[in-house]
Amino acid sequence: MTDPHLTLVIDCVSAACSAALLAEDGSLIDEQHEVVGRGHAERLVPMIAELLDGRKADAILVDCGPGSFTGLRVGLAAAHGLAIGWKVPLAGYSAPALLAGMTGAGGTPVAAALQGGHGQLFVQSFAGDPLEPTDALRSLTPEEAARAIAAPLVVGSGAAELVAARGFGEAIDLLPRAASAFMLPLPLRSLPPRPIYGRAPDAKKMIGA
């Protein structure tokens, strides 16, 4: 009996450090999921080693953000390094899409809202079965997001804040989980494996530099 085609999924753009091994049909082989807050750089590689237990994946999938700048870079660096070392394909997905997919809402409109720092939220709306975005990813204040997001169901680390600012709807506080990556339709888990920051860099280029 041959071993199943394995996909290693890496997700550490949030307070969670998450990795999973999925079979080609999307069934879960094994996962590691810990809410670490900080410390992704120290925890991720040992976590992947524990998960693999001597196995090698046939493909890699990584969360490209937006989210924690450090966690995002750590996850992408690990994914690229393993893909090069194993000579396997690497693709990405976005955190808002995964969160929307994790609700299992089917054709019901849903929005993702993630804490983005600087008093802003990363927000994006989704609909359809299969899931697809209905607007662009934006970084907005809660008040701006309340005017822009109409979906009654909001999911993510910023969901409660958006729903409170809007005055209606249901909020689900949820962190991205690597084991749920195959809940996304193929187009949403075939993104280029590069960072999605969600807004312009905080640092400004000095005049005359």
N, C-alpha and C. Protein backbone atom coordinates (compact mmCIF):
# COMPACT_ATOMS: atom_id res chain seq x y z
N MET A 1 0.85 -1.19 0.00
CA MET A 1 0.00 0.00 0.00
C MET A 1 0.89 1.25 0.00
N THR A 2 0.66 2.17 -0.93
CA THR A 2 1.48 3.37 -1.01
C THR A 2 0.99 4.42 -0.02
N ASP A 3 1.89 5.28 0.41
CA ASP A 3 1.53 6.35 1.31
C ASP A 3 0.66 7.37 0.59
N PRO A 4 -0.29 8.01 1.29
CA PRO A 4 -1.13 9.01 0.64
C PRO A 4 -0.33 10.25 0.28
N HIS A 5 -0.81 10.98 -0.72
CA HIS A 5 -0.23 12.27 -1.07
C HIS A 5 -0.48 13.21 0.10
N LEU A 6 0.59 13.76 0.67
CA LEU A 6 0.48 14.57 1.88
C LEU A 6 0.74 16.05 1.57
N THR A 7 -0.10 16.92 2.11
CA THR A 7 0.12 18.36 2.05
C THR A 7 0.39 18.87 3.45
N LEU A 8 1.50 19.55 3.63
CA LEU A 8 1.80 20.21 4.89
C LEU A 8 1.23 21.63 4.83
N VAL A 9 0.41 21.98 5.81
CA VAL A 9 -0.17 23.31 5.89
C VAL A 9 0.44 24.04 7.08
N ILE A 10 0.88 25.27 6.83
CA ILE A 10 1.52 26.09 7.87
C ILE A 10 0.71 27.37 8.04
N ASP A 11 0.34 27.67 9.29
CA ASP A 11 -0.46 28.88 9.55
C ASP A 11 -0.01 29.50 10.87
N CYS A 12 0.66 30.63 10.79
CA CYS A 12 1.06 31.30 12.03
C CYS A 12 0.98 32.82 11.89
N VAL A 13 -0.10 33.30 11.23
CA VAL A 13 -0.27 34.74 11.06
C VAL A 13 -1.06 35.36 12.21
N SER A 14 -1.55 34.52 13.14
CA SER A 14 -2.35 35.01 14.27
C SER A 14 -1.67 34.62 15.57
N ALA A 15 -2.39 34.69 16.67
CA ALA A 15 -1.85 34.26 17.95
C ALA A 15 -1.63 32.75 17.99
N ALA A 16 -2.22 32.03 17.04
CA ALA A 16 -2.05 30.58 16.97
C ALA A 16 -0.86 30.21 16.11
N CYS A 17 -0.16 29.17 16.54
CA CYS A 17 0.88 28.54 15.73
C CYS A 17 0.30 27.19 15.33
N SER A 18 0.09 26.99 14.04
CA SER A 18 -0.74 25.88 13.59
C SER A 18 -0.11 25.21 12.38
N ALA A 19 -0.07 23.89 12.41
CA ALA A 19 0.43 23.11 11.28
C ALA A 19 -0.38 21.83 11.18
N ALA A 20 -0.56 21.33 9.97
CA ALA A 20 -1.36 20.13 9.76
C ALA A 20 -0.84 19.35 8.57
N LEU A 21 -1.07 18.05 8.59
CA LEU A 21 -0.82 17.17 7.45
C LEU A 21 -2.17 16.71 6.93
N LEU A 22 -2.45 16.99 5.66
CA LEU A 22 -3.72 16.64 5.05
C LEU A 22 -3.49 15.68 3.89
N ALA A 23 -4.39 14.71 3.75
CA ALA A 23 -4.36 13.80 2.61
C ALA A 23 -4.96 14.51 1.40
N GLU A 24 -4.80 13.90 0.23
CA GLU A 24 -5.25 14.52 -1.01
C GLU A 24 -6.75 14.78 -1.02
N ASP A 25 -7.52 13.94 -0.31
CA ASP A 25 -8.97 14.12 -0.26
C ASP A 25 -9.40 15.11 0.82
N GLY A 26 -8.42 15.73 1.48
CA GLY A 26 -8.72 16.72 2.52
C GLY A 26 -8.83 16.15 3.91
N SER A 27 -8.75 14.83 4.05
CA SER A 27 -8.85 14.25 5.38
C SER A 27 -7.60 14.57 6.20
N LEU A 28 -7.80 14.74 7.49
CA LEU A 28 -6.72 15.14 8.39
C LEU A 28 -5.91 13.93 8.82
N ILE A 29 -4.60 13.98 8.56
CA ILE A 29 -3.69 12.94 9.02
C ILE A 29 -3.25 13.23 10.46
N ASP A 30 -2.85 14.48 10.69
CA ASP A 30 -2.41 14.90 12.03
C ASP A 30 -2.31 16.42 12.05
N GLU A 31 -2.36 17.00 13.23
CA GLU A 31 -2.20 18.45 13.34
C GLU A 31 -1.57 18.83 14.67
N GLN A 32 -0.98 20.01 14.69
CA GLN A 32 -0.50 20.66 15.91
C GLN A 32 -1.06 22.08 15.88
N HIS A 33 -1.73 22.48 16.93
CA HIS A 33 -2.36 23.81 16.97
C HIS A 33 -2.24 24.35 18.39
N GLU A 34 -1.48 25.42 18.55
CA GLU A 34 -1.27 26.00 19.87
C GLU A 34 -1.45 27.51 19.80
N VAL A 35 -2.16 28.08 20.76
CA VAL A 35 -2.27 29.53 20.86
C VAL A 35 -1.07 29.99 21.69
N VAL A 36 -0.10 30.57 21.01
CA VAL A 36 1.17 30.94 21.65
C VAL A 36 1.30 32.44 21.87
N GLY A 37 0.47 33.23 21.18
CA GLY A 37 0.60 34.68 21.27
C GLY A 37 1.81 35.14 20.49
N ARG A 38 2.95 35.08 21.13
CA ARG A 38 4.23 35.34 20.48
C ARG A 38 5.08 34.07 20.54
N GLY A 39 6.23 34.11 19.89
CA GLY A 39 7.11 32.95 19.94
C GLY A 39 6.95 31.97 18.80
N HIS A 40 6.34 32.42 17.69
CA HIS A 40 6.18 31.53 16.54
C HIS A 40 7.54 31.04 16.01
N ALA A 41 8.53 31.92 16.02
CA ALA A 41 9.84 31.55 15.47
C ALA A 41 10.45 30.39 16.24
N GLU A 42 10.23 30.37 17.55
CA GLU A 42 10.80 29.30 18.38
C GLU A 42 9.97 28.02 18.30
N ARG A 43 8.67 28.14 18.09
CA ARG A 43 7.80 26.97 18.18
C ARG A 43 7.53 26.27 16.85
N LEU A 44 7.51 27.02 15.74
CA LEU A 44 7.03 26.45 14.49
C LEU A 44 7.85 25.27 13.99
N VAL A 45 9.17 25.41 13.89
CA VAL A 45 9.98 24.34 13.32
C VAL A 45 9.92 23.07 14.17
N PRO A 46 10.05 23.14 15.51
CA PRO A 46 9.87 21.92 16.30
C PRO A 46 8.47 21.32 16.13
N MET A 47 7.46 22.17 15.99
CA MET A 47 6.10 21.69 15.79
C MET A 47 5.99 20.89 14.49
N ILE A 48 6.58 21.43 13.41
CA ILE A 48 6.53 20.73 12.12
C ILE A 48 7.28 19.40 12.21
N ALA A 49 8.42 19.40 12.90
CA ALA A 49 9.20 18.16 13.05
C ALA A 49 8.39 17.10 13.80
N GLU A 50 7.70 17.51 14.86
CA GLU A 50 6.86 16.58 15.61
C GLU A 50 5.73 16.04 14.73
N LEU A 51 5.16 16.92 13.96
CA LEU A 51 4.04 16.55 13.10
C LEU A 51 4.46 15.55 12.02
N LEU A 52 5.59 15.84 11.38
CA LEU A 52 6.05 14.99 10.28
C LEU A 52 6.52 13.62 10.77
N ASP A 53 7.21 13.60 11.90
CA ASP A 53 7.69 12.35 12.49
C ASP A 53 8.43 11.49 11.44
N GLY A 54 9.34 12.14 10.71
CA GLY A 54 10.15 11.45 9.72
C GLY A 54 9.56 11.41 8.32
N ARG A 55 8.31 11.86 8.17
CA ARG A 55 7.68 11.86 6.85
C ARG A 55 8.07 13.12 6.08
N LYS A 56 7.84 13.08 4.77
CA LYS A 56 8.04 14.23 3.90
C LYS A 56 6.75 14.52 3.18
N ALA A 57 6.38 15.79 3.13
CA ALA A 57 5.16 16.16 2.42
C ALA A 57 5.40 16.24 0.92
N ASP A 58 4.32 16.08 0.15
CA ASP A 58 4.39 16.17 -1.30
C ASP A 58 4.04 17.55 -1.82
N ALA A 59 3.49 18.40 -0.95
CA ALA A 59 3.14 19.78 -1.30
C ALA A 59 3.03 20.56 0.00
N ILE A 60 3.15 21.89 -0.12
CA ILE A 60 3.06 22.76 1.05
C ILE A 60 2.08 23.88 0.75
N LEU A 61 1.31 24.22 1.77
CA LEU A 61 0.33 25.30 1.69
C LEU A 61 0.55 26.21 2.88
N VAL A 62 0.56 27.53 2.66
CA VAL A 62 0.90 28.45 3.75
C VAL A 62 -0.05 29.64 3.78
N ASP A 63 -0.39 30.08 4.98
CA ASP A 63 -1.20 31.29 5.14
C ASP A 63 -0.34 32.50 4.85
N CYS A 64 -0.78 33.33 3.90
CA CYS A 64 -0.01 34.50 3.47
C CYS A 64 -0.46 35.79 4.17
N GLY A 65 -1.43 35.70 5.07
CA GLY A 65 -1.86 36.87 5.80
C GLY A 65 -3.17 37.44 5.29
N PRO A 66 -3.47 38.67 5.75
CA PRO A 66 -2.67 39.50 6.64
C PRO A 66 -2.75 39.02 8.09
N GLY A 67 -1.90 39.62 8.90
CA GLY A 67 -1.86 39.25 10.31
C GLY A 67 -0.59 39.75 10.95
N SER A 68 -0.12 39.02 11.94
CA SER A 68 1.11 39.37 12.64
C SER A 68 2.28 39.41 11.65
N PHE A 69 2.98 40.54 11.61
CA PHE A 69 4.09 40.67 10.66
C PHE A 69 5.14 39.59 10.92
N THR A 70 5.50 39.37 12.19
CA THR A 70 6.54 38.39 12.51
C THR A 70 6.06 36.98 12.19
N GLY A 71 4.86 36.63 12.64
CA GLY A 71 4.34 35.30 12.38
C GLY A 71 4.21 35.02 10.90
N LEU A 72 3.75 36.01 10.15
CA LEU A 72 3.61 35.87 8.70
C LEU A 72 4.95 35.55 8.06
N ARG A 73 5.98 36.30 8.42
CA ARG A 73 7.30 36.08 7.82
C ARG A 73 7.89 34.74 8.25
N VAL A 74 7.67 34.36 9.50
CA VAL A 74 8.18 33.07 9.98
C VAL A 74 7.56 31.92 9.20
N GLY A 75 6.23 31.97 9.03
CA GLY A 75 5.54 30.91 8.31
C GLY A 75 5.97 30.82 6.86
N LEU A 76 6.08 31.96 6.20
CA LEU A 76 6.49 31.96 4.80
C LEU A 76 7.94 31.47 4.64
N ALA A 77 8.81 31.90 5.54
CA ALA A 77 10.21 31.47 5.45
C ALA A 77 10.32 29.95 5.62
N ALA A 78 9.60 29.40 6.58
CA ALA A 78 9.63 27.94 6.79
C ALA A 78 9.06 27.22 5.57
N ALA A 79 7.96 27.73 5.03
CA ALA A 79 7.33 27.08 3.88
C ALA A 79 8.25 27.10 2.66
N HIS A 80 8.86 28.25 2.39
CA HIS A 80 9.76 28.35 1.24
C HIS A 80 10.98 27.45 1.44
N GLY A 81 11.53 27.44 2.64
CA GLY A 81 12.71 26.61 2.90
C GLY A 81 12.43 25.14 2.71
N LEU A 82 11.30 24.66 3.22
CA LEU A 82 10.96 23.25 3.07
C LEU A 82 10.65 22.91 1.62
N ALA A 83 9.95 23.81 0.93
CA ALA A 83 9.61 23.56 -0.48
C ALA A 83 10.87 23.43 -1.33
N ILE A 84 11.86 24.28 -1.05
CA ILE A 84 13.13 24.20 -1.79
C ILE A 84 13.86 22.91 -1.45
N GLY A 85 13.93 22.60 -0.15
CA GLY A 85 14.65 21.40 0.28
C GLY A 85 14.02 20.12 -0.22
N TRP A 86 12.69 20.06 -0.22
CA TRP A 86 11.99 18.85 -0.66
C TRP A 86 11.72 18.83 -2.15
N LYS A 87 11.88 20.01 -2.80
CA LYS A 87 11.55 20.15 -4.23
C LYS A 87 10.07 19.79 -4.48
N VAL A 88 9.20 20.45 -3.70
CA VAL A 88 7.75 20.21 -3.82
C VAL A 88 7.05 21.54 -4.09
N PRO A 89 5.85 21.51 -4.66
CA PRO A 89 5.12 22.75 -4.94
C PRO A 89 4.66 23.45 -3.67
N LEU A 90 4.60 24.77 -3.75
CA LEU A 90 4.19 25.62 -2.63
C LEU A 90 3.13 26.60 -3.12
N ALA A 91 2.05 26.72 -2.37
CA ALA A 91 0.99 27.68 -2.69
C ALA A 91 0.51 28.34 -1.40
N GLY A 92 -0.29 29.39 -1.57
CA GLY A 92 -0.75 30.13 -0.41
C GLY A 92 -2.25 30.33 -0.39
N TYR A 93 -2.72 30.84 0.74
CA TYR A 93 -4.12 31.25 0.90
C TYR A 93 -4.15 32.44 1.83
N SER A 94 -5.27 33.13 1.90
CA SER A 94 -5.37 34.29 2.78
C SER A 94 -6.08 33.93 4.07
N ALA A 95 -5.73 34.62 5.14
CA ALA A 95 -6.37 34.38 6.43
C ALA A 95 -7.86 34.70 6.41
N PRO A 96 -8.31 35.82 5.81
CA PRO A 96 -9.76 36.08 5.78
C PRO A 96 -10.55 34.99 5.08
N ALA A 97 -10.02 34.48 3.97
CA ALA A 97 -10.72 33.41 3.25
C ALA A 97 -10.83 32.16 4.11
N LEU A 98 -9.74 31.80 4.79
CA LEU A 98 -9.79 30.60 5.63
C LEU A 98 -10.81 30.77 6.74
N LEU A 99 -10.81 31.92 7.40
CA LEU A 99 -11.77 32.15 8.47
C LEU A 99 -13.20 32.06 7.96
N ALA A 100 -13.45 32.65 6.80
CA ALA A 100 -14.79 32.57 6.22
C ALA A 100 -15.16 31.12 5.91
N GLY A 101 -14.21 30.36 5.37
CA GLY A 101 -14.45 28.96 5.06
C GLY A 101 -14.68 28.11 6.29
N MET A 102 -14.03 28.46 7.39
CA MET A 102 -14.15 27.68 8.63
C MET A 102 -15.53 27.77 9.24
N THR A 103 -16.32 28.77 8.87
CA THR A 103 -17.67 28.89 9.43
C THR A 103 -18.60 27.82 8.88
N GLY A 104 -18.26 27.27 7.69
CA GLY A 104 -19.14 26.29 7.07
C GLY A 104 -20.48 26.87 6.72
N ALA A 105 -20.51 28.18 6.41
CA ALA A 105 -21.78 28.88 6.18
C ALA A 105 -22.39 28.60 4.81
N GLY A 106 -21.66 27.90 3.94
CA GLY A 106 -22.20 27.59 2.62
C GLY A 106 -22.44 28.85 1.82
N GLY A 107 -23.67 29.03 1.33
CA GLY A 107 -23.98 30.19 0.52
C GLY A 107 -24.35 31.42 1.32
N THR A 108 -24.32 31.34 2.66
CA THR A 108 -24.68 32.49 3.49
C THR A 108 -23.56 33.52 3.47
N PRO A 109 -23.87 34.80 3.26
CA PRO A 109 -22.83 35.83 3.30
C PRO A 109 -22.11 35.84 4.65
N VAL A 110 -20.81 35.98 4.61
CA VAL A 110 -20.00 36.03 5.82
C VAL A 110 -18.86 37.00 5.60
N ALA A 111 -18.44 37.69 6.65
CA ALA A 111 -17.30 38.60 6.56
C ALA A 111 -16.25 38.18 7.58
N ALA A 112 -15.00 38.37 7.22
CA ALA A 112 -13.89 38.14 8.14
C ALA A 112 -13.39 39.49 8.63
N ALA A 113 -13.10 39.55 9.92
CA ALA A 113 -12.54 40.77 10.52
C ALA A 113 -11.41 40.36 11.46
N LEU A 114 -10.20 40.83 11.16
CA LEU A 114 -9.02 40.49 11.95
C LEU A 114 -8.43 41.76 12.55
N GLN A 115 -7.93 41.66 13.79
CA GLN A 115 -7.24 42.78 14.39
C GLN A 115 -6.02 43.12 13.54
N GLY A 116 -5.91 44.40 13.14
CA GLY A 116 -4.82 44.78 12.26
C GLY A 116 -3.83 45.73 12.87
N GLY A 117 -4.02 46.10 14.14
CA GLY A 117 -3.12 47.06 14.76
C GLY A 117 -3.46 48.48 14.38
N HIS A 118 -2.93 49.44 15.12
CA HIS A 118 -3.16 50.86 14.86
C HIS A 118 -4.65 51.22 14.90
N GLY A 119 -5.42 50.44 15.68
CA GLY A 119 -6.84 50.72 15.82
C GLY A 119 -7.66 50.35 14.61
N GLN A 120 -7.11 49.53 13.73
CA GLN A 120 -7.83 49.16 12.51
C GLN A 120 -8.09 47.66 12.45
N LEU A 121 -9.01 47.30 11.55
CA LEU A 121 -9.36 45.91 11.30
C LEU A 121 -9.12 45.57 9.84
N PHE A 122 -8.62 44.37 9.59
CA PHE A 122 -8.59 43.85 8.23
C PHE A 122 -9.94 43.20 7.97
N VAL A 123 -10.65 43.63 6.94
CA VAL A 123 -11.99 43.11 6.68
C VAL A 123 -12.14 42.70 5.22
N GLN A 124 -12.96 41.67 5.01
CA GLN A 124 -13.29 41.23 3.66
C GLN A 124 -14.57 40.40 3.74
N SER A 125 -15.42 40.54 2.71
CA SER A 125 -16.70 39.83 2.66
C SER A 125 -16.65 38.68 1.66
N PHE A 126 -17.43 37.63 1.96
CA PHE A 126 -17.45 36.43 1.12
C PHE A 126 -18.89 35.93 0.97
N ALA A 127 -19.14 35.23 -0.12
CA ALA A 127 -20.44 34.60 -0.36
C ALA A 127 -20.23 33.44 -1.30
N GLY A 128 -21.31 32.68 -1.50
CA GLY A 128 -21.29 31.65 -2.53
C GLY A 128 -20.95 30.27 -2.01
N ASP A 129 -21.24 29.32 -2.81
CA ASP A 129 -20.90 27.93 -2.55
C ASP A 129 -20.52 27.31 -3.90
N PRO A 130 -19.21 27.30 -4.26
CA PRO A 130 -18.06 27.50 -3.38
C PRO A 130 -17.82 28.95 -2.98
N LEU A 131 -17.07 29.08 -1.91
CA LEU A 131 -16.75 30.38 -1.33
C LEU A 131 -16.00 31.26 -2.32
N GLU A 132 -16.34 32.56 -2.35
CA GLU A 132 -15.59 33.51 -3.15
C GLU A 132 -15.73 34.90 -2.55
N PRO A 133 -14.69 35.74 -2.66
CA PRO A 133 -14.77 37.10 -2.11
C PRO A 133 -15.73 37.96 -2.91
N THR A 134 -16.42 38.86 -2.22
CA THR A 134 -17.33 39.79 -2.89
C THR A 134 -16.83 41.23 -2.81
N ASP A 135 -15.73 41.45 -2.12
CA ASP A 135 -15.09 42.77 -2.11
C ASP A 135 -13.60 42.58 -1.86
N ALA A 136 -12.87 43.66 -1.90
CA ALA A 136 -11.41 43.60 -1.70
C ALA A 136 -11.07 43.64 -0.22
N LEU A 137 -9.93 43.07 0.12
CA LEU A 137 -9.41 43.18 1.48
C LEU A 137 -9.09 44.63 1.77
N ARG A 138 -9.56 45.11 2.95
CA ARG A 138 -9.31 46.50 3.33
C ARG A 138 -8.88 46.59 4.79
N SER A 139 -8.14 47.63 5.13
CA SER A 139 -7.79 47.94 6.50
C SER A 139 -8.56 49.19 6.90
N LEU A 140 -9.52 49.05 7.83
CA LEU A 140 -10.44 50.12 8.19
C LEU A 140 -10.56 50.26 9.70
N THR A 141 -10.94 51.42 10.16
CA THR A 141 -11.30 51.57 11.56
C THR A 141 -12.59 50.80 11.81
N PRO A 142 -12.90 50.44 13.05
CA PRO A 142 -14.16 49.75 13.32
C PRO A 142 -15.37 50.52 12.81
N GLU A 143 -15.33 51.84 12.92
CA GLU A 143 -16.46 52.67 12.46
C GLU A 143 -16.59 52.60 10.94
N GLU A 144 -15.47 52.66 10.24
CA GLU A 144 -15.50 52.53 8.78
C GLU A 144 -15.96 51.15 8.37
N ALA A 145 -15.46 50.14 9.07
CA ALA A 145 -15.84 48.75 8.75
C ALA A 145 -17.33 48.54 8.99
N ALA A 146 -17.87 49.18 10.04
CA ALA A 146 -19.30 49.04 10.33
C ALA A 146 -20.16 49.55 9.18
N ARG A 147 -19.68 50.58 8.49
CA ARG A 147 -20.43 51.12 7.34
C ARG A 147 -20.20 50.29 6.08
N ALA A 148 -19.07 49.61 6.00
CA ALA A 148 -18.70 48.92 4.76
C ALA A 148 -19.14 47.46 4.72
N ILE A 149 -19.28 46.83 5.88
CA ILE A 149 -19.54 45.39 5.94
C ILE A 149 -20.99 45.12 6.30
N ALA A 150 -21.71 44.45 5.40
CA ALA A 150 -23.14 44.21 5.62
C ALA A 150 -23.46 42.78 6.04
N ALA A 151 -22.55 41.84 5.85
CA ALA A 151 -22.84 40.44 6.16
C ALA A 151 -23.24 40.29 7.62
N PRO A 152 -24.32 39.58 7.91
CA PRO A 152 -24.76 39.46 9.31
C PRO A 152 -23.81 38.63 10.17
N LEU A 153 -23.10 37.70 9.54
CA LEU A 153 -22.15 36.86 10.28
C LEU A 153 -20.74 37.39 10.06
N VAL A 154 -20.02 37.65 11.16
CA VAL A 154 -18.65 38.15 11.08
C VAL A 154 -17.77 37.24 11.93
N VAL A 155 -16.63 36.84 11.37
CA VAL A 155 -15.76 35.88 12.04
C VAL A 155 -14.34 36.42 12.11
N GLY A 156 -13.63 36.07 13.18
CA GLY A 156 -12.24 36.47 13.31
C GLY A 156 -11.97 37.22 14.60
N SER A 157 -10.71 37.56 14.82
CA SER A 157 -10.30 38.21 16.06
C SER A 157 -10.88 39.61 16.24
N GLY A 158 -11.31 40.23 15.14
CA GLY A 158 -11.92 41.55 15.21
C GLY A 158 -13.42 41.54 15.03
N ALA A 159 -14.02 40.35 15.02
CA ALA A 159 -15.46 40.24 14.74
C ALA A 159 -16.30 40.95 15.79
N ALA A 160 -16.01 40.74 17.06
CA ALA A 160 -16.82 41.34 18.13
C ALA A 160 -16.76 42.86 18.07
N GLU A 161 -15.58 43.39 17.76
CA GLU A 161 -15.42 44.84 17.69
C GLU A 161 -16.22 45.42 16.53
N LEU A 162 -16.22 44.74 15.39
CA LEU A 162 -16.98 45.23 14.24
C LEU A 162 -18.48 45.17 14.52
N VAL A 163 -18.94 44.04 15.05
CA VAL A 163 -20.37 43.89 15.33
C VAL A 163 -20.83 44.90 16.37
N ALA A 164 -19.99 45.16 17.38
CA ALA A 164 -20.34 46.16 18.39
C ALA A 164 -20.45 47.55 17.78
N ALA A 165 -19.53 47.88 16.87
CA ALA A 165 -19.56 49.20 16.23
C ALA A 165 -20.77 49.34 15.31
N ARG A 166 -21.20 48.22 14.73
CA ARG A 166 -22.30 48.23 13.78
C ARG A 166 -23.67 48.14 14.47
N GLY A 167 -23.69 47.46 15.62
CA GLY A 167 -24.93 47.36 16.38
C GLY A 167 -25.83 46.20 15.98
N PHE A 168 -25.38 45.31 15.11
CA PHE A 168 -26.18 44.14 14.75
C PHE A 168 -25.28 43.05 14.20
N GLY A 169 -25.82 41.84 14.16
CA GLY A 169 -25.09 40.71 13.59
C GLY A 169 -24.55 39.76 14.64
N GLU A 170 -23.95 38.67 14.16
CA GLU A 170 -23.35 37.65 15.01
C GLU A 170 -21.85 37.66 14.83
N ALA A 171 -21.12 37.64 15.93
CA ALA A 171 -19.66 37.63 15.90
C ALA A 171 -19.15 36.28 16.40
N ILE A 172 -18.21 35.69 15.67
CA ILE A 172 -17.55 34.45 16.09
C ILE A 172 -16.06 34.74 16.20
N ASP A 173 -15.52 34.65 17.42
CA ASP A 173 -14.10 34.88 17.65
C ASP A 173 -13.35 33.60 17.29
N LEU A 174 -12.57 33.66 16.23
CA LEU A 174 -11.95 32.46 15.68
C LEU A 174 -10.56 32.80 15.17
N LEU A 175 -9.62 31.87 15.35
CA LEU A 175 -8.27 32.02 14.81
C LEU A 175 -8.08 31.03 13.66
N PRO A 176 -7.29 31.39 12.65
CA PRO A 176 -7.04 30.45 11.54
C PRO A 176 -6.46 29.14 12.05
N ARG A 177 -6.90 28.03 11.45
CA ARG A 177 -6.43 26.69 11.83
C ARG A 177 -5.97 25.96 10.58
N ALA A 178 -4.73 25.52 10.58
CA ALA A 178 -4.15 24.87 9.40
C ALA A 178 -4.95 23.67 8.93
N ALA A 179 -5.52 22.92 9.86
CA ALA A 179 -6.25 21.70 9.52
C ALA A 179 -7.48 21.98 8.68
N SER A 180 -7.94 23.23 8.65
CA SER A 180 -9.16 23.58 7.90
C SER A 180 -8.87 24.09 6.50
N ALA A 181 -7.62 24.08 6.07
CA ALA A 181 -7.24 24.72 4.80
C ALA A 181 -7.97 24.14 3.60
N PHE A 182 -8.27 22.84 3.61
CA PHE A 182 -8.93 22.23 2.45
C PHE A 182 -10.43 22.51 2.44
N MET A 183 -10.92 23.29 3.41
CA MET A 183 -12.30 23.77 3.33
C MET A 183 -12.41 24.87 2.28
N LEU A 184 -11.27 25.43 1.88
CA LEU A 184 -11.25 26.45 0.83
C LEU A 184 -11.33 25.80 -0.55
N PRO A 185 -12.09 26.40 -1.47
CA PRO A 185 -12.05 25.90 -2.86
C PRO A 185 -10.66 26.12 -3.44
N LEU A 186 -10.32 25.33 -4.45
CA LEU A 186 -8.97 25.35 -5.01
C LEU A 186 -8.47 26.75 -5.40
N PRO A 187 -9.29 27.60 -6.06
CA PRO A 187 -8.77 28.92 -6.43
C PRO A 187 -8.31 29.76 -5.24
N LEU A 188 -8.92 29.54 -4.07
CA LEU A 188 -8.55 30.33 -2.89
C LEU A 188 -7.40 29.72 -2.10
N ARG A 189 -6.95 28.53 -2.51
CA ARG A 189 -5.75 27.96 -1.89
C ARG A 189 -4.68 27.68 -2.95
N SER A 190 -4.69 28.53 -3.97
CA SER A 190 -3.68 28.45 -5.03
C SER A 190 -3.03 29.81 -5.26
N LEU A 191 -2.96 30.63 -4.21
CA LEU A 191 -2.39 31.96 -4.35
C LEU A 191 -0.86 31.89 -4.41
N PRO A 192 -0.22 32.90 -5.00
CA PRO A 192 1.25 32.97 -4.93
C PRO A 192 1.69 33.02 -3.47
N PRO A 193 2.73 32.28 -3.10
CA PRO A 193 3.17 32.22 -1.70
C PRO A 193 4.01 33.43 -1.30
N ARG A 194 3.36 34.59 -1.27
CA ARG A 194 4.05 35.81 -0.85
C ARG A 194 3.14 36.59 0.10
N PRO A 195 3.72 37.51 0.88
CA PRO A 195 2.96 38.16 1.95
C PRO A 195 1.78 38.99 1.46
N ILE A 196 0.69 38.90 2.19
CA ILE A 196 -0.45 39.80 2.02
C ILE A 196 -0.47 40.67 3.28
N TYR A 197 -0.01 41.91 3.16
CA TYR A 197 0.11 42.75 4.35
C TYR A 197 -1.19 43.47 4.70
N GLY A 198 -2.03 43.73 3.72
CA GLY A 198 -3.31 44.36 4.00
C GLY A 198 -3.30 45.87 4.06
N ARG A 199 -2.12 46.45 4.20
CA ARG A 199 -2.00 47.91 4.18
C ARG A 199 -0.55 48.26 3.90
N ALA A 200 -0.30 49.55 3.63
CA ALA A 200 1.05 50.01 3.33
C ALA A 200 1.93 49.87 4.57
N PRO A 201 3.24 49.70 4.39
CA PRO A 201 4.16 49.59 5.53
C PRO A 201 4.05 50.80 6.45
N ASP A 202 4.27 50.55 7.76
CA ASP A 202 4.23 51.65 8.73
C ASP A 202 5.41 52.59 8.54
N ALA A 203 6.58 52.03 8.19
CA ALA A 203 7.77 52.85 8.05
C ALA A 203 7.68 53.67 6.75
N LYS A 204 8.03 54.92 6.83
CA LYS A 204 8.03 55.81 5.66
C LYS A 204 9.45 56.08 5.20
N LYS A 205 9.63 56.09 3.90
CA LYS A 205 10.96 56.41 3.35
C LYS A 205 11.31 57.86 3.65
N MET A 206 12.53 58.07 4.14
CA MET A 206 12.98 59.42 4.47
C MET A 206 13.20 60.24 3.20
N ILE A 207 12.80 61.49 3.23
CA ILE A 207 12.99 62.37 2.09
C ILE A 207 14.49 62.54 1.83
N GLY A 208 14.89 62.35 0.57
CA GLY A 208 16.30 62.48 0.21
C GLY A 208 17.10 61.22 0.41
N ALA A 209 16.43 60.13 0.96
CA ALA A 209 17.16 58.89 1.20
C ALA A 209 17.34 58.15 -0.10
